[in-house]
């Protein structure tokens, strides 16, 4: 099982990844809906910090471990 806080952070990271990949890093209404706590404004370029990336890596590791635990007896 993965912590709900970790899962929420992963969803926010995925939304940010989507912006960078499909919207040149510019915040859109879809991002604001998915990450309502964000202070970013529509049309603003999303800033991603090193700390955010490091947290995303740790959270992804937690997810991978949780998935791995599901496949072990």
N, C-alpha and C. Protein backbone atom coordinates (compact mmCIF):
# COMPACT_ATOMS: atom_id res chain seq x y z
N UNK A 1 0.84 -1.18 0.00
CA UNK A 1 0.00 0.00 0.00
C UNK A 1 0.89 1.25 0.00
N UNK A 2 0.46 2.25 -0.73
CA UNK A 2 1.23 3.50 -0.80
C UNK A 2 0.50 4.59 -0.02
N UNK A 3 1.25 5.39 0.66
CA UNK A 3 0.69 6.49 1.46
C UNK A 3 -0.11 7.44 0.57
N UNK A 4 -1.30 7.83 0.99
CA UNK A 4 -2.13 8.74 0.18
C UNK A 4 -1.44 10.07 -0.15
N UNK A 5 -0.61 10.56 0.75
CA UNK A 5 0.12 11.82 0.49
C UNK A 5 1.12 11.62 -0.65
N UNK A 6 1.80 10.48 -0.63
CA UNK A 6 2.75 10.16 -1.70
C UNK A 6 2.00 10.03 -3.02
N UNK A 7 0.86 9.35 -3.01
CA UNK A 7 0.07 9.17 -4.23
C UNK A 7 -0.37 10.53 -4.79
N UNK A 8 -0.79 11.42 -3.92
CA UNK A 8 -1.21 12.75 -4.38
C UNK A 8 -0.04 13.51 -5.00
N UNK A 9 1.14 13.44 -4.37
CA UNK A 9 2.32 14.10 -4.94
C UNK A 9 2.65 13.52 -6.31
N UNK A 10 2.52 12.20 -6.45
CA UNK A 10 2.79 11.57 -7.75
C UNK A 10 1.80 12.06 -8.81
N UNK A 11 0.55 12.24 -8.43
CA UNK A 11 -0.44 12.76 -9.38
C UNK A 11 -0.08 14.19 -9.80
N UNK A 12 0.39 14.99 -8.87
CA UNK A 12 0.79 16.36 -9.19
C UNK A 12 2.02 16.38 -10.10
N UNK A 13 2.96 15.49 -9.83
CA UNK A 13 4.15 15.39 -10.68
C UNK A 13 3.74 14.96 -12.09
N UNK A 14 2.80 14.03 -12.18
CA UNK A 14 2.35 13.57 -13.50
C UNK A 14 1.68 14.72 -14.26
N UNK A 15 0.92 15.54 -13.55
CA UNK A 15 0.29 16.70 -14.19
C UNK A 15 1.36 17.68 -14.67
N UNK A 16 2.41 17.88 -13.89
CA UNK A 16 3.51 18.76 -14.30
C UNK A 16 4.25 18.17 -15.50
N UNK A 17 4.45 16.86 -15.49
CA UNK A 17 5.11 16.20 -16.62
C UNK A 17 4.29 16.42 -17.89
N UNK A 18 2.97 16.32 -17.74
CA UNK A 18 2.08 16.51 -18.88
C UNK A 18 2.25 17.93 -19.45
N UNK A 19 2.33 18.92 -18.57
CA UNK A 19 2.53 20.30 -19.04
C UNK A 19 3.84 20.45 -19.80
N UNK A 20 4.89 19.89 -19.25
CA UNK A 20 6.21 20.02 -19.89
C UNK A 20 6.24 19.30 -21.24
N UNK A 21 5.57 18.18 -21.32
CA UNK A 21 5.59 17.37 -22.53
C UNK A 21 4.65 17.89 -23.61
N UNK A 22 3.47 18.32 -23.20
CA UNK A 22 2.43 18.64 -24.17
C UNK A 22 2.06 20.11 -24.27
N UNK A 23 2.54 20.95 -23.34
CA UNK A 23 2.12 22.34 -23.35
C UNK A 23 3.29 23.29 -23.15
N UNK A 24 4.49 22.84 -23.50
CA UNK A 24 5.70 23.67 -23.40
C UNK A 24 5.90 24.25 -22.01
N UNK A 25 5.40 23.54 -20.99
CA UNK A 25 5.60 23.98 -19.62
C UNK A 25 4.68 25.09 -19.16
N UNK A 26 3.70 25.43 -19.98
CA UNK A 26 2.78 26.52 -19.63
C UNK A 26 1.55 25.96 -18.91
N UNK A 27 1.22 26.57 -17.79
CA UNK A 27 0.08 26.13 -16.99
C UNK A 27 -1.21 26.35 -17.78
N UNK A 28 -2.07 25.34 -17.75
CA UNK A 28 -3.37 25.45 -18.41
C UNK A 28 -4.47 25.12 -17.40
N UNK A 29 -5.70 25.24 -17.83
CA UNK A 29 -6.85 25.01 -16.95
C UNK A 29 -6.88 23.58 -16.42
N UNK A 30 -6.47 22.63 -17.24
CA UNK A 30 -6.46 21.23 -16.83
C UNK A 30 -5.50 21.02 -15.64
N UNK A 31 -4.33 21.66 -15.71
CA UNK A 31 -3.36 21.55 -14.60
C UNK A 31 -3.95 22.17 -13.33
N UNK A 32 -4.54 23.34 -13.45
CA UNK A 32 -5.12 24.02 -12.29
C UNK A 32 -6.21 23.16 -11.66
N UNK A 33 -6.99 22.46 -12.47
CA UNK A 33 -8.02 21.56 -11.95
C UNK A 33 -7.40 20.38 -11.21
N UNK A 34 -6.33 19.83 -11.77
CA UNK A 34 -5.71 18.64 -11.17
C UNK A 34 -4.86 18.97 -9.95
N UNK A 35 -4.35 20.20 -9.88
CA UNK A 35 -3.48 20.61 -8.78
C UNK A 35 -4.05 21.91 -8.19
N UNK A 36 -5.20 21.83 -7.54
CA UNK A 36 -5.87 23.05 -7.08
C UNK A 36 -5.08 23.84 -6.03
N UNK A 37 -4.18 23.19 -5.32
CA UNK A 37 -3.38 23.90 -4.30
C UNK A 37 -2.23 24.70 -4.92
N UNK A 38 -1.99 24.52 -6.20
CA UNK A 38 -0.91 25.24 -6.87
C UNK A 38 -1.22 26.73 -6.93
N UNK A 39 -0.18 27.53 -6.79
CA UNK A 39 -0.33 28.99 -6.92
C UNK A 39 -0.08 29.44 -8.35
N UNK A 40 0.25 28.52 -9.23
CA UNK A 40 0.54 28.86 -10.63
C UNK A 40 -0.72 29.37 -11.31
N UNK A 41 -0.54 30.34 -12.19
CA UNK A 41 -1.64 30.94 -12.94
C UNK A 41 -1.62 30.41 -14.37
N UNK A 42 -2.79 30.35 -14.98
CA UNK A 42 -2.91 29.90 -16.36
C UNK A 42 -2.03 30.80 -17.24
N UNK A 43 -1.25 30.17 -18.10
CA UNK A 43 -0.36 30.88 -19.01
C UNK A 43 1.05 31.07 -18.46
N UNK A 44 1.22 30.89 -17.18
CA UNK A 44 2.53 31.02 -16.54
C UNK A 44 3.36 29.77 -16.82
N UNK A 45 4.67 29.93 -16.97
CA UNK A 45 5.54 28.77 -17.13
C UNK A 45 5.74 28.13 -15.77
N UNK A 46 5.52 26.83 -15.70
CA UNK A 46 5.67 26.10 -14.45
C UNK A 46 7.14 25.99 -14.09
N UNK A 47 7.45 26.29 -12.85
CA UNK A 47 8.82 26.17 -12.35
C UNK A 47 8.92 24.89 -11.54
N UNK A 48 9.90 24.08 -11.85
CA UNK A 48 10.11 22.82 -11.13
C UNK A 48 11.48 22.89 -10.49
N UNK A 49 11.52 22.71 -9.18
CA UNK A 49 12.76 22.82 -8.43
C UNK A 49 13.47 21.47 -8.32
N UNK A 50 14.74 21.55 -7.96
CA UNK A 50 15.50 20.33 -7.72
C UNK A 50 14.86 19.51 -6.59
N UNK A 51 14.40 20.20 -5.57
CA UNK A 51 13.77 19.50 -4.44
C UNK A 51 12.52 18.75 -4.89
N UNK A 52 11.75 19.35 -5.78
CA UNK A 52 10.55 18.69 -6.31
C UNK A 52 10.93 17.43 -7.08
N UNK A 53 11.96 17.53 -7.89
CA UNK A 53 12.41 16.38 -8.68
C UNK A 53 12.92 15.27 -7.76
N UNK A 54 13.70 15.65 -6.76
CA UNK A 54 14.21 14.63 -5.83
C UNK A 54 13.07 13.95 -5.08
N UNK A 55 12.06 14.71 -4.69
CA UNK A 55 10.90 14.13 -4.01
C UNK A 55 10.14 13.20 -4.95
N UNK A 56 10.02 13.59 -6.21
CA UNK A 56 9.33 12.76 -7.20
C UNK A 56 10.06 11.43 -7.38
N UNK A 57 11.37 11.46 -7.38
CA UNK A 57 12.14 10.22 -7.51
C UNK A 57 11.91 9.32 -6.31
N UNK A 58 11.94 9.89 -5.11
CA UNK A 58 11.69 9.11 -3.90
C UNK A 58 10.27 8.54 -3.90
N UNK A 59 9.31 9.35 -4.33
CA UNK A 59 7.93 8.87 -4.38
C UNK A 59 7.75 7.77 -5.42
N UNK A 60 8.40 7.91 -6.57
CA UNK A 60 8.33 6.87 -7.60
C UNK A 60 8.95 5.57 -7.09
N UNK A 61 10.03 5.70 -6.32
CA UNK A 61 10.66 4.52 -5.71
C UNK A 61 9.68 3.84 -4.75
N UNK A 62 8.97 4.62 -3.96
CA UNK A 62 7.96 4.06 -3.04
C UNK A 62 6.87 3.33 -3.81
N UNK A 63 6.44 3.92 -4.92
CA UNK A 63 5.41 3.27 -5.74
C UNK A 63 5.92 1.96 -6.31
N UNK A 64 7.14 1.96 -6.83
CA UNK A 64 7.72 0.74 -7.40
C UNK A 64 7.86 -0.35 -6.35
N UNK A 65 8.27 0.02 -5.14
CA UNK A 65 8.38 -0.96 -4.06
C UNK A 65 7.01 -1.53 -3.69
N UNK A 66 6.01 -0.66 -3.62
CA UNK A 66 4.66 -1.12 -3.29
C UNK A 66 4.14 -2.08 -4.36
N UNK A 67 4.39 -1.76 -5.63
CA UNK A 67 3.98 -2.65 -6.72
C UNK A 67 4.73 -3.97 -6.65
N UNK A 68 6.02 -3.88 -6.33
CA UNK A 68 6.80 -5.11 -6.21
C UNK A 68 6.30 -6.00 -5.09
N UNK A 69 5.86 -5.38 -4.00
CA UNK A 69 5.33 -6.14 -2.87
C UNK A 69 4.06 -6.90 -3.26
N UNK A 70 3.32 -6.39 -4.22
CA UNK A 70 2.10 -7.07 -4.66
C UNK A 70 2.39 -8.36 -5.41
N UNK A 71 3.57 -8.46 -6.00
CA UNK A 71 3.90 -9.65 -6.80
C UNK A 71 4.64 -10.70 -6.00
N UNK A 72 4.98 -10.40 -4.76
CA UNK A 72 5.68 -11.38 -3.91
C UNK A 72 4.68 -12.09 -3.01
N UNK A 73 4.86 -13.39 -2.86
CA UNK A 73 3.94 -14.14 -1.97
C UNK A 73 4.10 -13.74 -0.51
